[in-house]
Each structure stands twice: as structure tokens, then as C-alpha cells.
Amino acid sequence: MGWSHRLRTLVQEPIVPFLIIGAGLFGLQGVLDAMAPKGDREIVVSNDQAVAMVQTFARTWQRPPLAAGVGALVR
């Protein structure tokens, strides 16, 4: 068997186009990320969002978070 037959057999595998498309999308994201403005990337958490996080924690763990835990939730 020659290389052309092996290559043809490999390309017919369903995973190969999936991997090629995935690699292309990964590369495209890298290019787009490089072109994106590098401005301030600060995430602002509103008071309402922080309250919702504390409430979710309390429902999940059946207790309110400690004071240091609130800061960890927001971070």
C-alpha cells in the first residue's frame, strides 16, 4: 500500500475533518484574541449580584458564608 492509499483511508475517517475544523477554529480564535483591544479587563460585580451569590451559597451549604468567604465568592 502506498502513502496515497493510506492518506485517502485516513481522510475518510469521521474524526479527521472534525479535528481539522477544530484546529482551524482554535487558530481563528487565537488570531481574533490577538487583534482584540487590550483595554481594561475589569469585571464589575454589582451589589445585587453579590447578594445573589451569598444566597446561592447559603442554599447550597445550608449556612451563610463567612466574611472571608464572601470575598472569595466575588473573586
PDB file of N, CA and C in Angstrom:
ATOM      1  N   MET A   1       0.840  -1.195   0.000  1.00  0.00           N
ATOM      2  CA  MET A   1       0.000   0.000   0.000  1.00  0.00           C
ATOM      3  C   MET A   1       0.877   1.248   0.000  1.00  0.00           C
ATOM      4  N   GLY A   2       0.500   2.193  -0.821  1.00  0.00           N
ATOM      5  CA  GLY A   2       1.256   3.433  -0.900  1.00  0.00           C
ATOM      6  C   GLY A   2       0.719   4.477   0.064  1.00  0.00           C
ATOM      7  N   TRP A   3       1.458   5.569   0.109  1.00  0.00           N
ATOM      8  CA  TRP A   3       1.074   6.661   1.003  1.00  0.00           C
ATOM      9  C   TRP A   3      -0.252   7.277   0.596  1.00  0.00           C
ATOM     10  N   SER A   4      -0.506   7.334  -0.706  1.00  0.00           N
ATOM     11  CA  SER A   4      -1.761   7.955  -1.152  1.00  0.00           C
ATOM     12  C   SER A   4      -2.966   7.144  -0.682  1.00  0.00           C
ATOM     13  N   HIS A   5      -2.856   5.824  -0.692  1.00  0.00           N
ATOM     14  CA  HIS A   5      -3.960   4.983  -0.213  1.00  0.00           C
ATOM     15  C   HIS A   5      -4.147   5.154   1.296  1.00  0.00           C
ATOM     16  N   ARG A   6      -3.053   5.200   2.036  1.00  0.00           N
ATOM     17  CA  ARG A   6      -3.140   5.400   3.488  1.00  0.00           C
ATOM     18  C   ARG A   6      -3.744   6.765   3.816  1.00  0.00           C
ATOM     19  N   LEU A   7      -3.318   7.796   3.075  1.00  0.00           N
ATOM     20  CA  LEU A   7      -3.844   9.142   3.298  1.00  0.00           C
ATOM     21  C   LEU A   7      -5.333   9.184   2.971  1.00  0.00           C
ATOM     22  N   ARG A   8      -5.733   8.573   1.886  1.00  0.00           N
ATOM     23  CA  ARG A   8      -7.141   8.547   1.494  1.00  0.00           C
ATOM     24  C   ARG A   8      -7.974   7.827   2.564  1.00  0.00           C
ATOM     25  N   THR A   9      -7.449   6.725   3.084  1.00  0.00           N
ATOM     26  CA  THR A   9      -8.144   5.983   4.132  1.00  0.00           C
ATOM     27  C   THR A   9      -8.265   6.827   5.396  1.00  0.00           C
ATOM     28  N   LEU A  10      -7.201   7.537   5.738  1.00  0.00           N
ATOM     29  CA  LEU A  10      -7.211   8.379   6.937  1.00  0.00           C
ATOM     30  C   LEU A  10      -8.214   9.517   6.811  1.00  0.00           C
ATOM     31  N   VAL A  11      -8.270  10.149   5.645  1.00  0.00           N
ATOM     32  CA  VAL A  11      -9.174  11.291   5.431  1.00  0.00           C
ATOM     33  C   VAL A  11     -10.631  10.838   5.492  1.00  0.00           C
ATOM     34  N   GLN A  12     -10.896   9.601   5.191  1.00  0.00           N
ATOM     35  CA  GLN A  12     -12.274   9.097   5.221  1.00  0.00           C
ATOM     36  C   GLN A  12     -12.762   8.833   6.645  1.00  0.00           C
ATOM     37  N   GLU A  13     -11.861   8.839   7.609  1.00  0.00           N
ATOM     38  CA  GLU A  13     -12.267   8.658   8.999  1.00  0.00           C
ATOM     39  C   GLU A  13     -13.047   9.892   9.460  1.00  0.00           C
ATOM     40  N   PRO A  14     -14.179   9.718  10.136  1.00  0.00           N
ATOM     41  CA  PRO A  14     -15.001  10.865  10.553  1.00  0.00           C
ATOM     42  C   PRO A  14     -14.286  11.824  11.502  1.00  0.00           C
ATOM     43  N   ILE A  15     -13.327  11.348  12.263  1.00  0.00           N
ATOM     44  CA  ILE A  15     -12.666  12.208  13.243  1.00  0.00           C
ATOM     45  C   ILE A  15     -11.729  13.219  12.581  1.00  0.00           C
ATOM     46  N   VAL A  16     -11.206  12.895  11.417  1.00  0.00           N
ATOM     47  CA  VAL A  16     -10.208  13.759  10.773  1.00  0.00           C
ATOM     48  C   VAL A  16     -10.793  15.123  10.401  1.00  0.00           C
ATOM     49  N   PRO A  17     -11.915  15.198   9.691  1.00  0.00           N
ATOM     50  CA  PRO A  17     -12.480  16.536   9.407  1.00  0.00           C
ATOM     51  C   PRO A  17     -12.835  17.292  10.685  1.00  0.00           C
ATOM     52  N   PHE A  18     -13.319  16.578  11.685  1.00  0.00           N
ATOM     53  CA  PHE A  18     -13.633  17.202  12.966  1.00  0.00           C
ATOM     54  C   PHE A  18     -12.384  17.842  13.569  1.00  0.00           C
ATOM     55  N   LEU A  19     -11.274  17.122  13.556  1.00  0.00           N
ATOM     56  CA  LEU A  19     -10.022  17.656  14.101  1.00  0.00           C
ATOM     57  C   LEU A  19      -9.512  18.834  13.284  1.00  0.00           C
ATOM     58  N   ILE A  20      -9.642  18.756  11.975  1.00  0.00           N
ATOM     59  CA  ILE A  20      -9.183  19.852  11.110  1.00  0.00           C
ATOM     60  C   ILE A  20     -10.009  21.110  11.369  1.00  0.00           C
ATOM     61  N   ILE A  21     -11.328  20.947  11.432  1.00  0.00           N
ATOM     62  CA  ILE A  21     -12.198  22.104  11.695  1.00  0.00           C
ATOM     63  C   ILE A  21     -11.924  22.662  13.094  1.00  0.00           C
ATOM     64  N   GLY A  22     -11.751  21.789  14.076  1.00  0.00           N
ATOM     65  CA  GLY A  22     -11.458  22.239  15.436  1.00  0.00           C
ATOM     66  C   GLY A  22     -10.158  23.007  15.510  1.00  0.00           C
ATOM     67  N   ALA A  23      -9.125  22.502  14.833  1.00  0.00           N
ATOM     68  CA  ALA A  23      -7.835  23.199  14.827  1.00  0.00           C
ATOM     69  C   ALA A  23      -7.963  24.555  14.136  1.00  0.00           C
ATOM     70  N   GLY A  24      -8.755  24.607  13.068  1.00  0.00           N
ATOM     71  CA  GLY A  24      -8.966  25.879  12.375  1.00  0.00           C
ATOM     72  C   GLY A  24      -9.677  26.895  13.255  1.00  0.00           C
ATOM     73  N   LEU A  25     -10.708  26.450  13.978  1.00  0.00           N
ATOM     74  CA  LEU A  25     -11.420  27.355  14.878  1.00  0.00           C
ATOM     75  C   LEU A  25     -10.526  27.813  16.029  1.00  0.00           C
ATOM     76  N   PHE A  26      -9.706  26.903  16.543  1.00  0.00           N
ATOM     77  CA  PHE A  26      -8.777  27.253  17.612  1.00  0.00           C
ATOM     78  C   PHE A  26      -7.792  28.315  17.130  1.00  0.00           C
ATOM     79  N   GLY A  27      -7.269  28.129  15.919  1.00  0.00           N
ATOM     80  CA  GLY A  27      -6.349  29.113  15.342  1.00  0.00           C
ATOM     81  C   GLY A  27      -7.025  30.450  15.091  1.00  0.00           C
ATOM     82  N   LEU A  28      -8.268  30.401  14.596  1.00  0.00           N
ATOM     83  CA  LEU A  28      -9.019  31.633  14.339  1.00  0.00           C
ATOM     84  C   LEU A  28      -9.256  32.401  15.636  1.00  0.00           C
ATOM     85  N   GLN A  29      -9.577  31.692  16.710  1.00  0.00           N
ATOM     86  CA  GLN A  29      -9.771  32.368  17.992  1.00  0.00           C
ATOM     87  C   GLN A  29      -8.470  33.022  18.454  1.00  0.00           C
ATOM     88  N   GLY A  30      -7.349  32.358  18.244  1.00  0.00           N
ATOM     89  CA  GLY A  30      -6.063  32.946  18.617  1.00  0.00           C
ATOM     90  C   GLY A  30      -5.794  34.233  17.859  1.00  0.00           C
ATOM     91  N   VAL A  31      -6.113  34.243  16.573  1.00  0.00           N
ATOM     92  CA  VAL A  31      -5.911  35.447  15.767  1.00  0.00           C
ATOM     93  C   VAL A  31      -6.846  36.557  16.226  1.00  0.00           C
ATOM     94  N   LEU A  32      -8.112  36.223  16.461  1.00  0.00           N
ATOM     95  CA  LEU A  32      -9.073  37.233  16.890  1.00  0.00           C
ATOM     96  C   LEU A  32      -8.732  37.775  18.273  1.00  0.00           C
ATOM     97  N   ASP A  33      -8.258  36.910  19.176  1.00  0.00           N
ATOM     98  CA  ASP A  33      -7.845  37.374  20.504  1.00  0.00           C
ATOM     99  C   ASP A  33      -6.652  38.323  20.406  1.00  0.00           C
ATOM    100  N   ALA A  34      -5.735  38.035  19.492  1.00  0.00           N
ATOM    101  CA  ALA A  34      -4.560  38.891  19.327  1.00  0.00           C
ATOM    102  C   ALA A  34      -4.965  40.264  18.784  1.00  0.00           C
ATOM    103  N   MET A  35      -6.031  40.303  17.993  1.00  0.00           N
ATOM    104  CA  MET A  35      -6.482  41.562  17.398  1.00  0.00           C
ATOM    105  C   MET A  35      -7.384  42.358  18.342  1.00  0.00           C
ATOM    106  N   ALA A  36      -7.917  41.721  19.372  1.00  0.00           N
ATOM    107  CA  ALA A  36      -8.855  42.389  20.285  1.00  0.00           C
ATOM    108  C   ALA A  36      -8.140  43.472  21.078  1.00  0.00           C
ATOM    109  N   PRO A  37      -8.844  44.567  21.372  1.00  0.00           N
ATOM    110  CA  PRO A  37      -8.222  45.623  22.175  1.00  0.00           C
ATOM    111  C   PRO A  37      -7.873  45.091  23.569  1.00  0.00           C
ATOM    112  N   LYS A  38      -6.745  45.542  24.072  1.00  0.00           N
ATOM    113  CA  LYS A  38      -6.259  45.078  25.376  1.00  0.00           C
ATOM    114  C   LYS A  38      -6.576  46.082  26.470  1.00  0.00           C
ATOM    115  N   GLY A  39      -7.747  46.670  26.419  1.00  0.00           N
ATOM    116  CA  GLY A  39      -8.139  47.673  27.399  1.00  0.00           C
ATOM    117  C   GLY A  39      -8.351  47.076  28.771  1.00  0.00           C
ATOM    118  N   ASP A  40      -9.040  47.818  29.583  1.00  0.00           N
ATOM    119  CA  ASP A  40      -9.310  47.421  30.957  1.00  0.00           C
ATOM    120  C   ASP A  40     -10.202  46.182  30.949  1.00  0.00           C
ATOM    121  N   ARG A  41      -9.734  45.125  31.569  1.00  0.00           N
ATOM    122  CA  ARG A  41     -10.495  43.874  31.604  1.00  0.00           C
ATOM    123  C   ARG A  41     -11.041  43.621  33.008  1.00  0.00           C
ATOM    124  N   GLU A  42     -11.465  44.663  33.655  1.00  0.00           N
ATOM    125  CA  GLU A  42     -12.011  44.558  34.998  1.00  0.00           C
ATOM    126  C   GLU A  42     -13.453  44.073  34.924  1.00  0.00           C
ATOM    127  N   ILE A  43     -13.785  43.128  35.763  1.00  0.00           N
ATOM    128  CA  ILE A  43     -15.153  42.626  35.856  1.00  0.00           C
ATOM    129  C   ILE A  43     -15.786  43.271  37.079  1.00  0.00           C
ATOM    130  N   VAL A  44     -16.918  43.901  36.874  1.00  0.00           N
ATOM    131  CA  VAL A  44     -17.607  44.601  37.959  1.00  0.00           C
ATOM    132  C   VAL A  44     -18.778  43.739  38.420  1.00  0.00           C
ATOM    133  N   VAL A  45     -18.807  43.449  39.712  1.00  0.00           N
ATOM    134  CA  VAL A  45     -19.898  42.675  40.308  1.00  0.00           C
ATOM    135  C   VAL A  45     -20.771  43.647  41.086  1.00  0.00           C
ATOM    136  N   SER A  46     -22.031  43.732  40.682  1.00  0.00           N
ATOM    137  CA  SER A  46     -22.944  44.657  41.369  1.00  0.00           C
ATOM    138  C   SER A  46     -23.313  44.114  42.742  1.00  0.00           C
ATOM    139  N   ASN A  47     -23.880  44.975  43.563  1.00  0.00           N
ATOM    140  CA  ASN A  47     -24.317  44.567  44.895  1.00  0.00           C
ATOM    141  C   ASN A  47     -25.382  43.480  44.803  1.00  0.00           C
ATOM    142  N   ASP A  48     -26.295  43.621  43.842  1.00  0.00           N
ATOM    143  CA  ASP A  48     -27.345  42.614  43.660  1.00  0.00           C
ATOM    144  C   ASP A  48     -26.756  41.256  43.285  1.00  0.00           C
ATOM    145  N   GLN A  49     -25.736  41.267  42.443  1.00  0.00           N
ATOM    146  CA  GLN A  49     -25.088  40.012  42.059  1.00  0.00           C
ATOM    147  C   GLN A  49     -24.385  39.370  43.256  1.00  0.00           C
ATOM    148  N   ALA A  50     -23.742  40.188  44.079  1.00  0.00           N
ATOM    149  CA  ALA A  50     -23.057  39.671  45.264  1.00  0.00           C
ATOM    150  C   ALA A  50     -24.063  39.072  46.241  1.00  0.00           C
ATOM    151  N   VAL A  51     -25.205  39.734  46.408  1.00  0.00           N
ATOM    152  CA  VAL A  51     -26.248  39.214  47.291  1.00  0.00           C
ATOM    153  C   VAL A  51     -26.759  37.868  46.757  1.00  0.00           C
ATOM    154  N   ALA A  52     -26.945  37.777  45.457  1.00  0.00           N
ATOM    155  CA  ALA A  52     -27.417  36.524  44.855  1.00  0.00           C
ATOM    156  C   ALA A  52     -26.391  35.406  45.068  1.00  0.00           C
ATOM    157  N   MET A  53     -25.105  35.724  44.976  1.00  0.00           N
ATOM    158  CA  MET A  53     -24.064  34.715  45.215  1.00  0.00           C
ATOM    159  C   MET A  53     -24.110  34.221  46.658  1.00  0.00           C
ATOM    160  N   VAL A  54     -24.280  35.151  47.596  1.00  0.00           N
ATOM    161  CA  VAL A  54     -24.352  34.775  49.009  1.00  0.00           C
ATOM    162  C   VAL A  54     -25.588  33.907  49.253  1.00  0.00           C
ATOM    163  N   GLN A  55     -26.710  34.268  48.649  1.00  0.00           N
ATOM    164  CA  GLN A  55     -27.937  33.490  48.819  1.00  0.00           C
ATOM    165  C   GLN A  55     -27.783  32.082  48.229  1.00  0.00           C
ATOM    166  N   THR A  56     -27.154  31.986  47.088  1.00  0.00           N
ATOM    167  CA  THR A  56     -26.923  30.677  46.470  1.00  0.00           C
ATOM    168  C   THR A  56     -26.017  29.828  47.348  1.00  0.00           C
ATOM    169  N   PHE A  57     -24.978  30.442  47.895  1.00  0.00           N
ATOM    170  CA  PHE A  57     -24.081  29.722  48.800  1.00  0.00           C
ATOM    171  C   PHE A  57     -24.855  29.192  49.997  1.00  0.00           C
ATOM    172  N   ALA A  58     -25.674  30.063  50.587  1.00  0.00           N
ATOM    173  CA  ALA A  58     -26.431  29.678  51.786  1.00  0.00           C
ATOM    174  C   ALA A  58     -27.408  28.539  51.474  1.00  0.00           C
ATOM    175  N   ARG A  59     -28.063  28.582  50.321  1.00  0.00           N
ATOM    176  CA  ARG A  59     -28.976  27.495  49.937  1.00  0.00           C
ATOM    177  C   ARG A  59     -28.216  26.193  49.716  1.00  0.00           C
ATOM    178  N   THR A  60     -27.053  26.293  49.102  1.00  0.00           N
ATOM    179  CA  THR A  60     -26.275  25.095  48.781  1.00  0.00           C
ATOM    180  C   THR A  60     -25.692  24.451  50.025  1.00  0.00           C
ATOM    181  N   TRP A  61     -25.083  25.249  50.885  1.00  0.00           N
ATOM    182  CA  TRP A  61     -24.349  24.715  52.042  1.00  0.00           C
ATOM    183  C   TRP A  61     -25.137  24.777  53.344  1.00  0.00           C
ATOM    184  N   GLN A  62     -26.365  25.282  53.281  1.00  0.00           N
ATOM    185  CA  GLN A  62     -27.231  25.333  54.454  1.00  0.00           C
ATOM    186  C   GLN A  62     -26.654  26.193  55.584  1.00  0.00           C
ATOM    187  N   ARG A  63     -25.844  27.189  55.213  1.00  0.00           N
ATOM    188  CA  ARG A  63     -25.281  28.137  56.176  1.00  0.00           C
ATOM    189  C   ARG A  63     -24.791  29.357  55.407  1.00  0.00           C
ATOM    190  N   PRO A  64     -24.751  30.512  56.051  1.00  0.00           N
ATOM    191  CA  PRO A  64     -24.208  31.692  55.366  1.00  0.00           C
ATOM    192  C   PRO A  64     -22.686  31.577  55.262  1.00  0.00           C
ATOM    193  N   PRO A  65     -22.107  32.198  54.260  1.00  0.00           N
ATOM    194  CA  PRO A  65     -20.639  32.162  54.144  1.00  0.00           C
ATOM    195  C   PRO A  65     -19.991  33.028  55.218  1.00  0.00           C
ATOM    196  N   LEU A  66     -18.772  32.685  55.578  1.00  0.00           N
ATOM    197  CA  LEU A  66     -18.000  33.517  56.490  1.00  0.00           C
ATOM    198  C   LEU A  66     -17.647  34.818  55.786  1.00  0.00           C
ATOM    199  N   ALA A  67     -17.211  35.830  56.537  1.00  0.00           N
ATOM    200  CA  ALA A  67     -16.881  37.129  55.949  1.00  0.00           C
ATOM    201  C   ALA A  67     -15.815  36.976  54.861  1.00  0.00           C
ATOM    202  N   ALA A  68     -14.792  36.169  55.133  1.00  0.00           N
ATOM    203  CA  ALA A  68     -13.735  35.957  54.128  1.00  0.00           C
ATOM    204  C   ALA A  68     -14.291  35.186  52.933  1.00  0.00           C
ATOM    205  N   GLY A  69     -15.314  34.364  53.176  1.00  0.00           N
ATOM    206  CA  GLY A  69     -15.913  33.583  52.100  1.00  0.00           C
ATOM    207  C   GLY A  69     -16.664  34.440  51.107  1.00  0.00           C
ATOM    208  N   VAL A  70     -17.237  35.547  51.574  1.00  0.00           N
ATOM    209  CA  VAL A  70     -17.957  36.459  50.661  1.00  0.00           C
ATOM    210  C   VAL A  70     -16.970  37.041  49.652  1.00  0.00           C
ATOM    211  N   GLY A  71     -15.804  37.450  50.145  1.00  0.00           N
ATOM    212  CA  GLY A  71     -14.789  37.973  49.225  1.00  0.00           C
ATOM    213  C   GLY A  71     -14.350  36.932  48.216  1.00  0.00           C
ATOM    214  N   ALA A  72     -14.240  35.688  48.673  1.00  0.00           N
ATOM    215  CA  ALA A  72     -13.849  34.605  47.762  1.00  0.00           C
ATOM    216  C   ALA A  72     -14.932  34.361  46.726  1.00  0.00           C
ATOM    217  N   LEU A  73     -16.185  34.462  47.120  1.00  0.00           N
ATOM    218  CA  LEU A  73     -17.292  34.284  46.164  1.00  0.00           C
ATOM    219  C   LEU A  73     -17.209  35.333  45.055  1.00  0.00           C
ATOM    220  N   VAL A  74     -16.959  36.561  45.436  1.00  0.00           N
ATOM    221  CA  VAL A  74     -16.918  37.651  44.455  1.00  0.00           C
ATOM    222  C   VAL A  74     -15.685  37.523  43.557  1.00  0.00           C
ATOM    223  N   ARG A  75     -14.546  37.130  44.164  1.00  0.00           N
ATOM    224  CA  ARG A  75     -13.336  36.960  43.340  1.00  0.00           C
ATOM    225  C   ARG A  75     -13.536  35.831  42.362  1.00  0.00           C
TER     226      ARG A  75
END
